[in-house]
Amino acid sequence: MHAKSLHRLPLYQQVKLQVLERIAEGEWASNELLPSEWDLADQFAVSQGTVRKALDELVTERVL
């Protein structure tokens, strides 16, 4: 996704795409736990609630 259009998405969707990108790049192994919601919130400079919404959507989509 183009960087300019990424910023037009709601924050939770931006976080979701960044998590997917990091998974695709192999930052986290398939059998490895992701960092906590609080740690991800710090990494992405968003609230913990925003991270939770992004992760919840990934769980619903059976990605996580």
Protein backbone atom coordinates (compact mmCIF):
# COMPACT_ATOMS: atom_id res chain seq x y z
CA MET A 1 0.00 0.00 0.00
CA HIS A 2 1.28 3.43 -0.85
CA ALA A 3 2.52 5.39 2.21
CA LYS A 4 0.27 8.35 1.47
CA SER A 5 -2.89 6.24 1.30
CA LEU A 6 -1.84 4.35 4.45
CA HIS A 7 -2.21 7.55 6.47
CA ARG A 8 -5.81 7.91 5.32
CA LEU A 9 -6.76 4.64 7.02
CA PRO A 10 -7.99 4.54 10.62
CA LEU A 11 -5.14 4.02 13.09
CA TYR A 12 -6.15 0.47 13.98
CA GLN A 13 -6.01 -0.50 10.28
CA GLN A 14 -2.57 1.11 9.96
CA VAL A 15 -1.40 -0.95 12.94
CA LYS A 16 -2.98 -4.08 11.46
CA LEU A 17 -1.09 -3.60 8.19
CA GLN A 18 2.17 -2.95 10.04
CA VAL A 19 1.73 -6.13 12.10
CA LEU A 20 1.04 -8.10 8.91
CA GLU A 21 4.12 -6.59 7.30
CA ARG A 22 6.33 -7.54 10.25
CA ILE A 23 4.95 -11.08 10.22
CA ALA A 24 5.60 -11.35 6.47
CA GLU A 25 9.15 -10.09 6.97
CA GLY A 26 9.76 -12.81 9.55
CA GLU A 27 10.16 -10.52 12.56
CA TRP A 28 8.03 -12.98 14.55
CA ALA A 29 8.15 -16.74 13.94
CA SER A 30 4.85 -18.57 13.46
CA ASN A 31 5.23 -20.33 16.82
CA GLU A 32 6.35 -17.19 18.66
CA LEU A 33 4.17 -14.95 20.80
CA LEU A 34 3.75 -11.38 19.64
CA PRO A 35 4.89 -8.63 21.99
CA SER A 36 2.26 -7.48 24.48
CA GLU A 37 -0.42 -5.00 23.45
CA TRP A 38 1.34 -2.40 25.59
CA ASP A 39 4.71 -3.04 23.90
CA LEU A 40 3.14 -2.87 20.46
CA ALA A 41 1.35 0.35 21.43
CA ASP A 42 4.72 1.85 22.36
CA GLN A 43 6.32 0.62 19.13
CA PHE A 44 3.55 2.03 16.94
CA ALA A 45 2.97 5.16 19.09
CA VAL A 46 -0.75 4.44 19.49
CA SER A 47 -3.02 3.52 22.38
CA GLN A 48 -3.32 -0.02 23.68
CA GLY A 49 -6.97 0.02 22.62
CA THR A 50 -5.96 0.74 19.02
CA VAL A 51 -3.58 -2.23 19.09
CA ARG A 52 -6.27 -4.45 20.61
CA LYS A 53 -8.73 -3.51 17.85
CA ALA A 54 -6.13 -4.31 15.18
CA LEU A 55 -5.23 -7.64 16.79
CA ASP A 56 -8.89 -8.55 17.34
CA GLU A 57 -9.51 -8.05 13.63
CA LEU A 58 -6.52 -10.25 12.76
CA VAL A 59 -7.86 -12.95 15.08
CA THR A 60 -11.32 -12.69 13.49
CA GLU A 61 -9.66 -13.09 10.07
CA ARG A 62 -7.76 -16.12 11.45
CA VAL A 63 -4.38 -14.55 10.76
CA LEU A 64 -3.47 -14.79 14.44
